[in-house]
Amino acid sequence: MRTHRIVLLAALIGLAASVLGYAPCYAKDKGDSGRLLTGRVTDKQEAPLGGAVVYLSNTRTRAVKTFIAGQDGVYRFPALSPSIDYEVYAQFEGHKSDTKTMSQFDTRPTVNINLRIDTK
């Protein structure tokens, strides 16, 4: 009887995890820290836009992370789950770049997405 309760409890926990959208991320090895998204924010003339705010949205949970680009326009989001799609865009002085997607089907450990903002 006790074994049946344990099995039932484990099944209920698994069902709750799947309903809540929990998807464990299995690393290839203990040194795997997820994926890295990096890129550069520039204007239409390729000049870096230091201080631009870069927004990264998890398409599954809609959680948003932000990063303020350095003076060289570079941004980075480390340790991203390889099993989730992300959307990224930048804003600078009231202007916005196009939204780009980093797909879970793109298996590269480092993805580079440059963002352009028309500041005029």
N, C-alpha and C. Protein backbone atom coordinates (compact mmCIF):
# COMPACT_ATOMS: atom_id res chain seq x y z
N MET A 1 0.82 -1.20 0.00
CA MET A 1 0.00 0.00 0.00
C MET A 1 0.87 1.26 0.00
N ARG A 2 1.94 1.24 0.79
CA ARG A 2 2.81 2.40 0.86
C ARG A 2 3.51 2.65 -0.48
N THR A 3 3.90 1.59 -1.16
CA THR A 3 4.54 1.70 -2.47
C THR A 3 3.58 2.35 -3.47
N HIS A 4 2.32 1.98 -3.41
CA HIS A 4 1.33 2.56 -4.32
C HIS A 4 1.19 4.06 -4.07
N ARG A 5 1.25 4.49 -2.82
CA ARG A 5 1.15 5.92 -2.50
C ARG A 5 2.35 6.68 -3.04
N ILE A 6 3.53 6.07 -2.91
CA ILE A 6 4.74 6.73 -3.41
C ILE A 6 4.68 6.88 -4.92
N VAL A 7 4.27 5.82 -5.60
CA VAL A 7 4.15 5.86 -7.06
C VAL A 7 3.10 6.88 -7.47
N LEU A 8 1.97 6.91 -6.79
CA LEU A 8 0.93 7.88 -7.08
C LEU A 8 1.41 9.31 -6.86
N LEU A 9 2.13 9.54 -5.77
CA LEU A 9 2.67 10.86 -5.48
C LEU A 9 3.67 11.30 -6.56
N ALA A 10 4.55 10.39 -6.96
CA ALA A 10 5.51 10.70 -8.01
C ALA A 10 4.80 11.03 -9.32
N ALA A 11 3.76 10.29 -9.65
CA ALA A 11 3.00 10.56 -10.86
C ALA A 11 2.31 11.92 -10.80
N LEU A 12 1.75 12.26 -9.65
CA LEU A 12 1.10 13.56 -9.49
C LEU A 12 2.09 14.71 -9.59
N ILE A 13 3.27 14.53 -9.04
CA ILE A 13 4.31 15.57 -9.15
C ILE A 13 4.72 15.74 -10.60
N GLY A 14 4.89 14.64 -11.31
CA GLY A 14 5.24 14.72 -12.74
C GLY A 14 4.15 15.39 -13.55
N LEU A 15 2.90 15.08 -13.25
CA LEU A 15 1.78 15.71 -13.95
C LEU A 15 1.73 17.20 -13.66
N ALA A 16 1.92 17.57 -12.40
CA ALA A 16 1.91 19.00 -12.04
C ALA A 16 3.04 19.74 -12.74
N ALA A 17 4.21 19.13 -12.80
CA ALA A 17 5.35 19.77 -13.47
C ALA A 17 5.07 19.99 -14.95
N SER A 18 4.44 19.01 -15.60
CA SER A 18 4.16 19.18 -17.03
C SER A 18 3.06 20.22 -17.26
N VAL A 19 2.07 20.29 -16.38
CA VAL A 19 1.00 21.27 -16.52
C VAL A 19 1.54 22.68 -16.31
N LEU A 20 2.46 22.84 -15.37
CA LEU A 20 3.02 24.15 -15.07
C LEU A 20 4.10 24.57 -16.06
N GLY A 21 4.44 23.70 -17.00
CA GLY A 21 5.41 24.08 -18.03
C GLY A 21 6.85 23.89 -17.60
N TYR A 22 7.08 23.15 -16.52
CA TYR A 22 8.45 22.92 -16.09
C TYR A 22 9.09 21.92 -17.03
N ALA A 23 10.21 22.31 -17.60
CA ALA A 23 10.95 21.42 -18.49
C ALA A 23 12.40 21.41 -18.03
N PRO A 24 12.83 20.33 -17.40
CA PRO A 24 14.20 20.32 -16.93
C PRO A 24 15.18 20.42 -18.09
N CYS A 25 16.27 21.08 -17.84
CA CYS A 25 17.31 21.27 -18.84
C CYS A 25 18.44 20.31 -18.52
N TYR A 26 18.65 19.33 -19.36
CA TYR A 26 19.70 18.36 -19.12
C TYR A 26 20.97 18.82 -19.80
N ALA A 27 21.97 19.09 -19.02
CA ALA A 27 23.26 19.54 -19.55
C ALA A 27 24.01 18.37 -20.14
N LYS A 28 24.83 18.67 -21.14
CA LYS A 28 25.63 17.63 -21.76
C LYS A 28 26.66 17.08 -20.79
N ASP A 29 27.24 17.96 -20.01
CA ASP A 29 28.17 17.56 -18.97
C ASP A 29 28.10 18.59 -17.86
N LYS A 30 28.80 18.37 -16.79
CA LYS A 30 28.71 19.28 -15.65
C LYS A 30 29.25 20.66 -15.96
N GLY A 31 30.08 20.81 -16.98
CA GLY A 31 30.64 22.11 -17.33
C GLY A 31 29.73 22.93 -18.24
N ASP A 32 28.63 22.34 -18.71
CA ASP A 32 27.72 23.05 -19.62
C ASP A 32 26.87 24.03 -18.83
N SER A 33 26.99 25.32 -19.16
CA SER A 33 26.26 26.34 -18.42
C SER A 33 25.17 26.98 -19.27
N GLY A 34 24.71 26.32 -20.31
CA GLY A 34 23.65 26.86 -21.15
C GLY A 34 24.21 27.59 -22.35
N ARG A 35 23.32 28.30 -23.03
CA ARG A 35 23.70 29.01 -24.24
C ARG A 35 24.00 30.47 -23.94
N LEU A 36 24.73 31.10 -24.85
CA LEU A 36 25.09 32.50 -24.73
C LEU A 36 24.51 33.24 -25.92
N LEU A 37 23.76 34.31 -25.64
CA LEU A 37 23.29 35.22 -26.69
C LEU A 37 24.09 36.50 -26.55
N THR A 38 24.71 36.90 -27.63
CA THR A 38 25.49 38.12 -27.64
C THR A 38 25.22 38.87 -28.93
N GLY A 39 25.60 40.12 -28.96
CA GLY A 39 25.40 40.91 -30.16
C GLY A 39 25.80 42.35 -29.93
N ARG A 40 25.46 43.18 -30.90
CA ARG A 40 25.84 44.59 -30.87
C ARG A 40 24.64 45.42 -31.32
N VAL A 41 24.41 46.54 -30.64
CA VAL A 41 23.34 47.45 -30.99
C VAL A 41 23.97 48.63 -31.72
N THR A 42 23.48 48.89 -32.94
CA THR A 42 24.04 49.98 -33.75
C THR A 42 22.91 50.79 -34.37
N ASP A 43 23.29 51.96 -34.90
CA ASP A 43 22.34 52.73 -35.69
C ASP A 43 22.46 52.27 -37.14
N LYS A 44 21.73 52.90 -38.04
CA LYS A 44 21.73 52.48 -39.45
C LYS A 44 23.08 52.66 -40.13
N GLN A 45 23.94 53.53 -39.57
CA GLN A 45 25.28 53.74 -40.14
C GLN A 45 26.33 52.86 -39.44
N GLU A 46 25.87 51.86 -38.67
CA GLU A 46 26.74 50.90 -37.96
C GLU A 46 27.52 51.51 -36.78
N ALA A 47 27.14 52.71 -36.34
CA ALA A 47 27.77 53.31 -35.16
C ALA A 47 27.16 52.67 -33.91
N PRO A 48 28.00 52.29 -32.94
CA PRO A 48 27.47 51.64 -31.74
C PRO A 48 26.57 52.58 -30.93
N LEU A 49 25.54 52.01 -30.33
CA LEU A 49 24.62 52.77 -29.50
C LEU A 49 24.81 52.36 -28.04
N GLY A 50 25.85 52.90 -27.43
CA GLY A 50 26.10 52.62 -26.02
C GLY A 50 24.96 53.14 -25.17
N GLY A 51 24.56 52.37 -24.19
CA GLY A 51 23.46 52.76 -23.31
C GLY A 51 22.10 52.30 -23.80
N ALA A 52 22.04 51.66 -24.97
CA ALA A 52 20.77 51.12 -25.44
C ALA A 52 20.33 50.00 -24.48
N VAL A 53 19.04 49.89 -24.26
CA VAL A 53 18.51 48.84 -23.39
C VAL A 53 18.06 47.68 -24.27
N VAL A 54 18.61 46.49 -23.99
CA VAL A 54 18.28 45.28 -24.75
C VAL A 54 17.34 44.44 -23.89
N TYR A 55 16.24 44.01 -24.50
CA TYR A 55 15.22 43.22 -23.81
C TYR A 55 15.24 41.80 -24.35
N LEU A 56 15.26 40.83 -23.45
CA LEU A 56 15.23 39.41 -23.82
C LEU A 56 14.00 38.79 -23.17
N SER A 57 13.12 38.22 -23.99
CA SER A 57 11.88 37.64 -23.50
C SER A 57 11.87 36.13 -23.73
N ASN A 58 11.60 35.39 -22.65
CA ASN A 58 11.40 33.95 -22.73
C ASN A 58 10.01 33.74 -23.31
N THR A 59 9.90 33.10 -24.47
CA THR A 59 8.60 32.97 -25.13
C THR A 59 7.67 32.00 -24.42
N ARG A 60 8.21 31.16 -23.57
CA ARG A 60 7.36 30.22 -22.83
C ARG A 60 6.73 30.86 -21.61
N THR A 61 7.54 31.56 -20.81
CA THR A 61 7.03 32.14 -19.56
C THR A 61 6.73 33.64 -19.68
N ARG A 62 7.24 34.27 -20.73
CA ARG A 62 7.16 35.72 -20.95
C ARG A 62 7.97 36.51 -19.92
N ALA A 63 8.86 35.86 -19.20
CA ALA A 63 9.78 36.57 -18.30
C ALA A 63 10.75 37.38 -19.16
N VAL A 64 11.07 38.59 -18.70
CA VAL A 64 11.93 39.49 -19.46
C VAL A 64 13.17 39.84 -18.66
N LYS A 65 14.33 39.76 -19.34
CA LYS A 65 15.60 40.20 -18.77
C LYS A 65 16.05 41.41 -19.58
N THR A 66 16.81 42.30 -18.94
CA THR A 66 17.33 43.46 -19.66
C THR A 66 18.84 43.55 -19.50
N PHE A 67 19.46 44.24 -20.43
CA PHE A 67 20.90 44.47 -20.40
C PHE A 67 21.14 45.84 -21.01
N ILE A 68 21.97 46.65 -20.37
CA ILE A 68 22.32 47.95 -20.93
C ILE A 68 23.62 47.77 -21.71
N ALA A 69 23.55 48.04 -23.01
CA ALA A 69 24.71 47.84 -23.88
C ALA A 69 25.85 48.76 -23.46
N GLY A 70 27.06 48.25 -23.57
CA GLY A 70 28.25 49.03 -23.26
C GLY A 70 28.49 50.11 -24.30
N GLN A 71 29.51 50.92 -24.09
CA GLN A 71 29.81 52.01 -25.02
C GLN A 71 30.09 51.51 -26.44
N ASP A 72 30.53 50.26 -26.55
CA ASP A 72 30.77 49.66 -27.86
C ASP A 72 29.50 49.05 -28.46
N GLY A 73 28.37 49.17 -27.73
CA GLY A 73 27.10 48.64 -28.21
C GLY A 73 26.90 47.17 -27.96
N VAL A 74 27.86 46.51 -27.30
CA VAL A 74 27.80 45.06 -27.10
C VAL A 74 26.89 44.71 -25.92
N TYR A 75 26.12 43.64 -26.10
CA TYR A 75 25.29 43.08 -25.02
C TYR A 75 25.52 41.58 -24.95
N ARG A 76 25.15 40.98 -23.81
CA ARG A 76 25.29 39.52 -23.66
C ARG A 76 24.31 39.00 -22.61
N PHE A 77 23.73 37.85 -22.92
CA PHE A 77 22.86 37.13 -22.00
C PHE A 77 23.40 35.71 -21.89
N PRO A 78 24.11 35.38 -20.81
CA PRO A 78 24.66 34.03 -20.65
C PRO A 78 23.66 33.08 -19.98
N ALA A 79 24.00 31.81 -20.00
CA ALA A 79 23.29 30.74 -19.28
C ALA A 79 21.81 30.64 -19.66
N LEU A 80 21.52 30.69 -20.96
CA LEU A 80 20.14 30.56 -21.42
C LEU A 80 19.82 29.09 -21.69
N SER A 81 18.60 28.72 -21.43
CA SER A 81 18.17 27.34 -21.66
C SER A 81 18.18 27.00 -23.14
N PRO A 82 18.73 25.85 -23.51
CA PRO A 82 18.74 25.46 -24.93
C PRO A 82 17.38 24.96 -25.42
N SER A 83 16.42 24.75 -24.50
CA SER A 83 15.12 24.20 -24.90
C SER A 83 14.02 25.25 -24.94
N ILE A 84 14.39 26.53 -25.02
CA ILE A 84 13.41 27.61 -25.03
C ILE A 84 13.73 28.59 -26.15
N ASP A 85 12.69 29.11 -26.80
CA ASP A 85 12.85 30.19 -27.78
C ASP A 85 12.89 31.52 -27.02
N TYR A 86 13.71 32.46 -27.50
CA TYR A 86 13.81 33.78 -26.90
C TYR A 86 13.60 34.83 -27.98
N GLU A 87 13.02 35.96 -27.60
CA GLU A 87 12.89 37.12 -28.48
C GLU A 87 13.74 38.24 -27.90
N VAL A 88 14.43 38.96 -28.78
CA VAL A 88 15.31 40.03 -28.33
C VAL A 88 15.10 41.27 -29.20
N TYR A 89 15.11 42.43 -28.53
CA TYR A 89 15.05 43.71 -29.24
C TYR A 89 15.72 44.77 -28.37
N ALA A 90 15.99 45.93 -28.96
CA ALA A 90 16.66 47.01 -28.22
C ALA A 90 15.88 48.30 -28.38
N GLN A 91 16.04 49.18 -27.38
CA GLN A 91 15.46 50.52 -27.44
C GLN A 91 16.54 51.53 -27.10
N PHE A 92 16.47 52.67 -27.79
CA PHE A 92 17.43 53.75 -27.55
C PHE A 92 16.74 55.08 -27.83
N GLU A 93 16.67 55.91 -26.82
CA GLU A 93 16.08 57.25 -26.94
C GLU A 93 14.73 57.24 -27.65
N GLY A 94 13.86 56.33 -27.24
CA GLY A 94 12.51 56.27 -27.78
C GLY A 94 12.36 55.53 -29.09
N HIS A 95 13.45 55.01 -29.64
CA HIS A 95 13.41 54.25 -30.89
C HIS A 95 13.66 52.78 -30.59
N LYS A 96 13.09 51.91 -31.41
CA LYS A 96 13.15 50.47 -31.17
C LYS A 96 13.66 49.72 -32.39
N SER A 97 14.43 48.67 -32.13
CA SER A 97 14.88 47.80 -33.23
C SER A 97 13.78 46.81 -33.57
N ASP A 98 13.98 46.06 -34.65
CA ASP A 98 13.11 44.94 -34.95
C ASP A 98 13.33 43.86 -33.89
N THR A 99 12.32 43.03 -33.67
CA THR A 99 12.44 41.91 -32.74
C THR A 99 12.98 40.71 -33.49
N LYS A 100 14.02 40.09 -32.92
CA LYS A 100 14.63 38.90 -33.51
C LYS A 100 14.39 37.71 -32.58
N THR A 101 14.45 36.51 -33.12
CA THR A 101 14.20 35.30 -32.35
C THR A 101 15.43 34.41 -32.32
N MET A 102 15.73 33.87 -31.13
CA MET A 102 16.75 32.84 -30.98
C MET A 102 15.98 31.53 -30.75
N SER A 103 16.01 30.65 -31.74
CA SER A 103 15.22 29.42 -31.71
C SER A 103 15.92 28.31 -30.94
N GLN A 104 15.12 27.50 -30.28
CA GLN A 104 15.66 26.32 -29.59
C GLN A 104 16.21 25.31 -30.60
N PHE A 105 15.82 25.42 -31.85
CA PHE A 105 16.30 24.50 -32.87
C PHE A 105 17.67 24.90 -33.43
N ASP A 106 18.10 26.10 -33.10
CA ASP A 106 19.46 26.55 -33.42
C ASP A 106 20.34 26.04 -32.30
N THR A 107 21.13 25.03 -32.56
CA THR A 107 21.86 24.33 -31.49
C THR A 107 23.24 24.90 -31.20
N ARG A 108 23.60 26.02 -31.79
CA ARG A 108 24.89 26.61 -31.50
C ARG A 108 24.96 27.05 -30.03
N PRO A 109 26.09 26.81 -29.36
CA PRO A 109 26.21 27.23 -27.95
C PRO A 109 26.28 28.74 -27.79
N THR A 110 26.78 29.44 -28.82
CA THR A 110 26.85 30.90 -28.80
C THR A 110 26.14 31.44 -30.04
N VAL A 111 25.15 32.30 -29.81
CA VAL A 111 24.39 32.88 -30.91
C VAL A 111 24.64 34.38 -30.90
N ASN A 112 24.93 34.94 -32.08
CA ASN A 112 25.19 36.36 -32.21
C ASN A 112 24.05 37.00 -33.01
N ILE A 113 23.36 37.95 -32.37
CA ILE A 113 22.28 38.67 -33.05
C ILE A 113 22.54 40.16 -32.89
N ASN A 114 22.83 40.82 -34.01
CA ASN A 114 23.04 42.27 -34.00
C ASN A 114 21.70 42.96 -34.20
N LEU A 115 21.52 44.07 -33.50
CA LEU A 115 20.27 44.82 -33.55
C LEU A 115 20.53 46.22 -34.08
N ARG A 116 19.70 46.67 -35.03
CA ARG A 116 19.85 48.01 -35.60
C ARG A 116 18.65 48.85 -35.24
N ILE A 117 18.94 50.10 -34.89
CA ILE A 117 17.88 51.06 -34.54
C ILE A 117 18.02 52.28 -35.43
N ASP A 118 16.93 52.66 -36.07
CA ASP A 118 16.90 53.88 -36.86
C ASP A 118 16.62 55.01 -35.89
N THR A 119 17.62 55.81 -35.57
CA THR A 119 17.49 56.86 -34.57
C THR A 119 16.97 58.17 -35.12
N LYS A 120 16.60 58.21 -36.38
CA LYS A 120 16.11 59.47 -36.98
C LYS A 120 14.63 59.48 -37.11
